[in-house]
Amino acid sequence: DNFQADSGDGSAYVPVNVPGVIEALRAPTLVEQLGATTIHGATGNITFPRVSVKAEGTEATEVAASANSKLELDGITLSPIRVANKTVFSKQLILQGGNQVDTLIAKELQDGINTTIDTAALAKAAAATQTAGGGAALDAAALFLLEKAVLSAGGDFANCKYVMNPTGWAISRDLPAVASIDALWKDGKVNGYPTFATPNLAEGTADHGDIIFGDWAKGLVLAYFGGLDLLVDPYSNAGTAQIALHLNKFYDVDVRQAGAFASITNVD
């Protein structure tokens, strides 16, 4: 006879417990956290008139003719872009796994959609205003140039934040503001600005750093058209006792003012 817990005749007495599901690692959606102007429940296309060239004033003598302001306007339009995914799971899985299974699956599908939106929004912010220095070694001076670019365009430092991809985060961690005197990183901030890292900021070149600095409220507008569309379809795969789950989300994102952002890519 062979009565053991992990083999032999005794193994049938040991139950299998599944206390919870281990979720996939997901970076949190950053764009809204960063303060991007967000519109919920949009329906029709949205058009924003935009000041593309700021008005200027000039000094003049008492009766001299006024000079043109140089003011120019254009606009941006947001139209629904569909992001979707689906999956199929068996009725037996729900029967034996309980409600936590379908809750987990729905959450994972939604997280996947949010990651797609986040990636697209960060790509637009990164492309808005690129500064020189791509491919060079990252140093404090390169970050200061990002801040200078936003300040020169009229950005508000009070609302600015850094966003870095994982490589940019890693190579910036040991940067000194001045060699051997002061650390550029302090209390989770770079040069005093809140700083976030996300894999949703795609690397321009593999294993290189990409960094965005800017005022996200003035720089980016994000619109959601309707809510999250969740369809549970128990019919299409009924012959195999499976349920299909479909998710759709409609959004658009664009840069409000390119000068609110400055970015650098492919730094080492």
Protein backbone atom coordinates (compact mmCIF):
# COMPACT_ATOMS: atom_id res chain seq x y z
CA ASP A 1 0.00 0.00 0.00
CA ASN A 2 1.10 3.58 -0.71
CA PHE A 3 -0.81 6.31 1.17
CA GLN A 4 0.80 9.72 0.59
CA ALA A 5 -0.62 13.20 0.10
CA ASP A 6 1.16 14.03 -3.16
CA SER A 7 1.16 10.62 -4.79
CA GLY A 8 -0.25 7.16 -4.44
CA ASP A 9 -3.65 6.21 -3.09
CA GLY A 10 -3.84 9.11 -0.61
CA SER A 11 -3.71 11.91 -3.20
CA ALA A 12 -7.43 11.66 -3.97
CA TYR A 13 -8.23 12.93 -0.45
CA VAL A 14 -6.39 16.24 -0.92
CA PRO A 15 -8.73 19.00 -2.21
CA VAL A 16 -7.68 21.68 -4.72
CA ASN A 17 -8.32 25.18 -3.37
CA VAL A 18 -8.35 28.28 -5.57
CA PRO A 19 -8.67 31.21 -3.13
CA GLY A 20 -8.23 33.91 -5.78
CA VAL A 21 -6.99 34.69 -9.25
CA ILE A 22 -3.56 36.18 -9.90
CA GLU A 23 -4.15 39.11 -12.20
CA ALA A 24 -1.77 40.14 -14.97
CA LEU A 25 0.66 42.96 -14.28
CA ARG A 26 -0.85 46.16 -15.64
CA ALA A 27 0.49 49.69 -15.58
CA PRO A 28 -2.23 52.06 -14.36
CA THR A 29 -3.79 54.42 -16.88
CA LEU A 30 -1.79 57.61 -16.59
CA VAL A 31 -3.30 60.17 -18.92
CA GLU A 32 -6.24 61.11 -16.71
CA GLN A 33 -4.08 60.89 -13.57
CA LEU A 34 -1.68 63.34 -15.15
CA GLY A 35 -4.49 65.86 -15.49
CA ALA A 36 -5.32 65.73 -19.19
CA THR A 37 -8.52 67.62 -19.97
CA THR A 38 -11.10 64.82 -20.17
CA ILE A 39 -14.61 64.86 -21.61
CA HIS A 40 -17.00 62.05 -20.67
CA GLY A 41 -20.20 61.10 -22.45
CA ALA A 42 -19.49 62.85 -25.74
CA THR A 43 -21.78 62.04 -28.68
CA GLY A 44 -21.17 64.09 -31.83
CA ASN A 45 -17.78 65.13 -33.13
CA ILE A 46 -16.14 67.80 -31.00
CA THR A 47 -14.35 70.80 -32.48
CA PHE A 48 -12.18 73.13 -30.44
CA PRO A 49 -11.15 76.47 -31.87
CA ARG A 50 -7.52 77.00 -30.90
CA VAL A 51 -5.14 79.93 -30.73
CA SER A 52 -2.26 78.78 -32.92
CA VAL A 53 -0.29 82.04 -32.74
CA LYS A 54 -0.58 84.18 -29.62
CA ALA A 55 -1.56 87.83 -29.83
CA GLU A 56 1.19 90.37 -29.24
CA GLY A 57 1.08 93.97 -28.13
CA THR A 58 3.48 96.70 -29.21
CA GLU A 59 4.25 100.05 -27.70
CA ALA A 60 3.24 103.06 -29.79
CA THR A 61 3.36 106.81 -29.53
CA GLU A 62 0.25 108.77 -28.63
CA VAL A 63 -1.24 108.91 -32.14
CA ALA A 64 0.71 106.20 -33.99
CA ALA A 65 -1.17 103.50 -35.88
CA SER A 66 -1.69 100.24 -34.01
CA ALA A 67 0.31 97.23 -35.18
CA ASN A 68 -1.31 93.91 -36.05
CA SER A 69 -1.61 91.51 -33.13
CA LYS A 70 -0.36 88.53 -35.22
CA LEU A 71 -3.13 86.46 -33.66
CA GLU A 72 -3.98 83.27 -35.59
CA LEU A 73 -6.58 80.59 -34.96
CA ASP A 74 -7.03 77.01 -36.08
CA GLY A 75 -8.84 74.10 -34.51
CA ILE A 76 -8.76 70.45 -33.51
CA THR A 77 -11.55 67.93 -33.99
CA LEU A 78 -12.16 64.80 -31.94
CA SER A 79 -14.06 61.95 -33.61
CA PRO A 80 -14.81 58.51 -32.13
CA ILE A 81 -12.11 55.87 -32.50
CA ARG A 82 -13.19 52.35 -31.59
CA VAL A 83 -11.00 50.20 -29.38
CA ALA A 84 -12.29 46.66 -28.96
CA ASN A 85 -11.46 43.18 -27.79
CA LYS A 86 -13.25 39.93 -27.02
CA THR A 87 -12.78 36.54 -25.43
CA VAL A 88 -14.65 33.26 -25.04
CA PHE A 89 -15.00 31.19 -21.89
CA SER A 90 -16.92 28.04 -21.10
CA LYS A 91 -20.06 27.79 -19.02
CA GLN A 92 -18.37 25.08 -17.00
CA LEU A 93 -15.63 27.52 -16.01
CA ILE A 94 -18.25 29.93 -14.64
CA LEU A 95 -20.10 27.06 -12.96
CA GLN A 96 -17.01 25.83 -11.16
CA GLY A 97 -14.99 29.04 -10.84
CA GLY A 98 -17.76 31.31 -9.61
CA ASN A 99 -18.38 35.00 -10.20
CA GLN A 100 -14.74 35.96 -9.69
CA VAL A 101 -13.89 34.39 -13.06
CA ASP A 102 -16.12 36.55 -15.25
CA THR A 103 -15.28 39.61 -13.13
CA LEU A 104 -11.58 39.01 -13.70
CA ILE A 105 -12.02 38.45 -17.44
CA ALA A 106 -14.07 41.64 -17.87
CA LYS A 107 -11.53 43.66 -15.89
CA GLU A 108 -8.62 42.32 -17.92
CA LEU A 109 -10.35 43.20 -21.19
CA GLN A 110 -11.05 46.72 -19.93
CA ASP A 111 -7.44 47.14 -18.77
CA GLY A 112 -6.26 46.09 -22.22
CA ILE A 113 -8.43 48.75 -23.84
CA ASN A 114 -7.23 51.41 -21.40
CA THR A 115 -3.61 50.50 -22.16
CA THR A 116 -4.24 51.05 -25.88
CA ILE A 117 -5.75 54.49 -25.20
CA ASP A 118 -2.93 55.42 -22.84
CA THR A 119 -0.29 54.40 -25.38
CA ALA A 120 -1.89 56.48 -28.14
CA ALA A 121 -2.24 59.55 -25.92
CA LEU A 122 1.35 59.41 -24.70
CA ALA A 123 2.61 58.98 -28.27
CA LYS A 124 0.85 62.19 -29.31
CA ALA A 125 2.26 64.07 -26.33
CA ALA A 126 5.77 62.81 -27.08
CA ALA A 127 5.53 63.88 -30.72
CA ALA A 128 4.16 67.34 -29.92
CA THR A 129 7.50 69.05 -29.29
CA GLN A 130 10.74 67.10 -29.63
CA THR A 131 13.97 68.67 -28.40
CA ALA A 132 17.50 68.08 -29.58
CA GLY A 133 19.60 65.42 -27.90
CA GLY A 134 18.10 62.13 -29.03
CA GLY A 135 20.66 59.33 -28.92
CA ALA A 136 22.95 61.16 -26.48
CA ALA A 137 23.68 60.31 -22.88
CA LEU A 138 21.02 61.67 -20.55
CA ASP A 139 22.19 64.36 -18.17
CA ALA A 140 20.62 67.05 -16.01
CA ALA A 141 21.16 69.68 -18.70
CA ALA A 142 18.96 67.72 -21.12
CA LEU A 143 16.11 67.73 -18.61
CA PHE A 144 16.57 71.43 -17.95
CA LEU A 145 16.19 72.04 -21.69
CA LEU A 146 12.80 70.33 -21.58
CA GLU A 147 11.71 72.65 -18.80
CA LYS A 148 13.07 75.65 -20.71
CA ALA A 149 11.08 74.71 -23.82
CA VAL A 150 7.78 74.55 -21.90
CA LEU A 151 8.53 77.79 -20.06
CA SER A 152 9.43 79.57 -23.32
CA ALA A 153 6.10 78.51 -24.82
CA GLY A 154 4.20 79.98 -21.85
CA GLY A 155 3.58 76.73 -19.95
CA ASP A 156 2.58 76.73 -16.29
CA PHE A 157 5.24 75.04 -14.17
CA ALA A 158 2.75 74.65 -11.32
CA ASN A 159 0.96 71.88 -13.26
CA CYS A 160 3.92 70.25 -14.99
CA LYS A 161 4.90 66.60 -14.60
CA TYR A 162 7.49 64.25 -16.01
CA VAL A 163 6.56 60.95 -17.68
CA MET A 164 9.25 58.40 -18.50
CA ASN A 165 9.37 54.97 -20.05
CA PRO A 166 11.03 52.26 -17.92
CA THR A 167 14.48 52.79 -19.49
CA GLY A 168 14.26 56.55 -19.05
CA TRP A 169 13.26 56.02 -15.43
CA ALA A 170 16.19 53.71 -14.82
CA ILE A 171 18.92 55.86 -16.37
CA SER A 172 17.68 59.04 -14.70
CA ARG A 173 17.76 57.63 -11.17
CA ASP A 174 21.40 58.40 -10.47
CA LEU A 175 21.66 61.73 -12.27
CA PRO A 176 23.13 64.55 -10.16
CA ALA A 177 21.97 68.13 -10.69
CA VAL A 178 25.58 69.13 -10.11
CA ALA A 179 28.18 66.37 -9.92
CA SER A 180 28.75 65.14 -6.35
CA ILE A 181 26.60 67.90 -4.84
CA ASP A 182 22.88 67.34 -5.20
CA ALA A 183 20.70 64.51 -6.50
CA LEU A 184 18.31 65.36 -9.31
CA TRP A 185 15.84 62.83 -7.92
CA LYS A 186 14.43 63.66 -4.49
CA ASP A 187 11.32 62.39 -2.71
CA GLY A 188 10.01 60.73 -5.87
CA LYS A 189 10.33 63.89 -7.95
CA VAL A 190 12.75 65.06 -10.63
CA ASN A 191 13.94 68.61 -10.04
CA GLY A 192 10.87 69.13 -7.85
CA TYR A 193 8.30 67.95 -10.42
CA PRO A 194 6.02 64.90 -9.94
CA THR A 195 7.38 62.06 -12.04
CA PHE A 196 5.68 58.95 -13.40
CA ALA A 197 6.95 55.88 -15.20
CA THR A 198 4.93 53.70 -17.56
CA PRO A 199 5.62 51.05 -20.21
CA ASN A 200 2.81 52.67 -22.22
CA LEU A 201 5.26 55.35 -23.32
CA ALA A 202 6.79 53.34 -26.14
CA GLU A 203 10.54 53.34 -26.67
CA GLY A 204 11.65 55.03 -29.88
CA THR A 205 14.59 52.62 -29.95
CA ALA A 206 14.90 49.45 -27.89
CA ASP A 207 16.55 49.89 -24.49
CA HIS A 208 16.67 53.68 -24.80
CA GLY A 209 15.02 56.29 -22.63
CA ASP A 210 12.05 58.46 -23.62
CA ILE A 211 10.93 61.35 -21.43
CA ILE A 212 8.06 63.87 -21.65
CA PHE A 213 7.78 67.00 -19.55
CA GLY A 214 4.73 69.18 -19.65
CA ASP A 215 1.47 70.68 -18.48
CA TRP A 216 -0.96 67.88 -19.27
CA ALA A 217 -4.15 69.85 -18.61
CA LYS A 218 -3.25 72.48 -21.18
CA GLY A 219 -1.46 70.10 -23.49
CA LEU A 220 -3.84 67.18 -24.03
CA VAL A 221 -7.59 66.69 -24.45
CA LEU A 222 -9.19 63.26 -24.20
CA ALA A 223 -12.82 62.52 -25.08
CA TYR A 224 -14.85 59.38 -24.35
CA PHE A 225 -17.86 58.89 -26.59
CA GLY A 226 -20.49 57.11 -24.55
CA GLY A 227 -19.49 54.64 -21.87
CA LEU A 228 -17.87 51.24 -21.88
CA ASP A 229 -19.88 48.94 -24.17
CA LEU A 230 -19.94 45.43 -22.68
CA LEU A 231 -21.82 42.69 -24.54
CA VAL A 232 -22.28 39.21 -23.08
CA ASP A 233 -23.19 36.83 -25.92
CA PRO A 234 -24.41 33.40 -24.75
CA TYR A 235 -25.86 32.47 -28.16
CA SER A 236 -23.14 32.54 -30.85
CA ASN A 237 -21.12 29.76 -29.20
CA ALA A 238 -24.03 27.95 -27.53
CA GLY A 239 -23.28 24.76 -29.43
CA THR A 240 -20.01 24.39 -27.54
CA ALA A 241 -21.39 25.67 -24.20
CA GLN A 242 -19.30 28.81 -24.35
CA ILE A 243 -20.01 32.48 -23.72
CA ALA A 244 -18.46 35.31 -25.72
CA LEU A 245 -17.62 38.61 -24.06
CA HIS A 246 -17.17 41.70 -26.25
CA LEU A 247 -15.90 45.09 -25.12
CA ASN A 248 -15.95 48.34 -27.08
CA LYS A 249 -14.83 51.80 -26.09
CA PHE A 250 -14.93 54.91 -28.26
CA TYR A 251 -12.44 57.71 -27.67
CA ASP A 252 -10.24 60.30 -29.31
CA VAL A 253 -7.27 62.27 -28.05
CA ASP A 254 -5.28 65.16 -29.41
CA VAL A 255 -2.78 67.81 -28.42
CA ARG A 256 -4.36 71.10 -27.35
CA GLN A 257 -1.18 73.14 -27.33
CA ALA A 258 2.07 71.55 -28.49
CA GLY A 259 4.08 74.10 -26.52
CA ALA A 260 2.78 72.60 -23.28
CA PHE A 261 5.02 69.58 -23.91
CA ALA A 262 8.70 68.99 -24.44
CA SER A 263 10.17 65.54 -24.92
CA ILE A 264 13.39 63.75 -25.63
CA THR A 265 13.83 60.29 -27.07
CA ASN A 266 16.46 57.56 -27.42
CA VAL A 267 18.70 58.74 -24.58
CA ASP A 268 21.19 56.42 -22.89
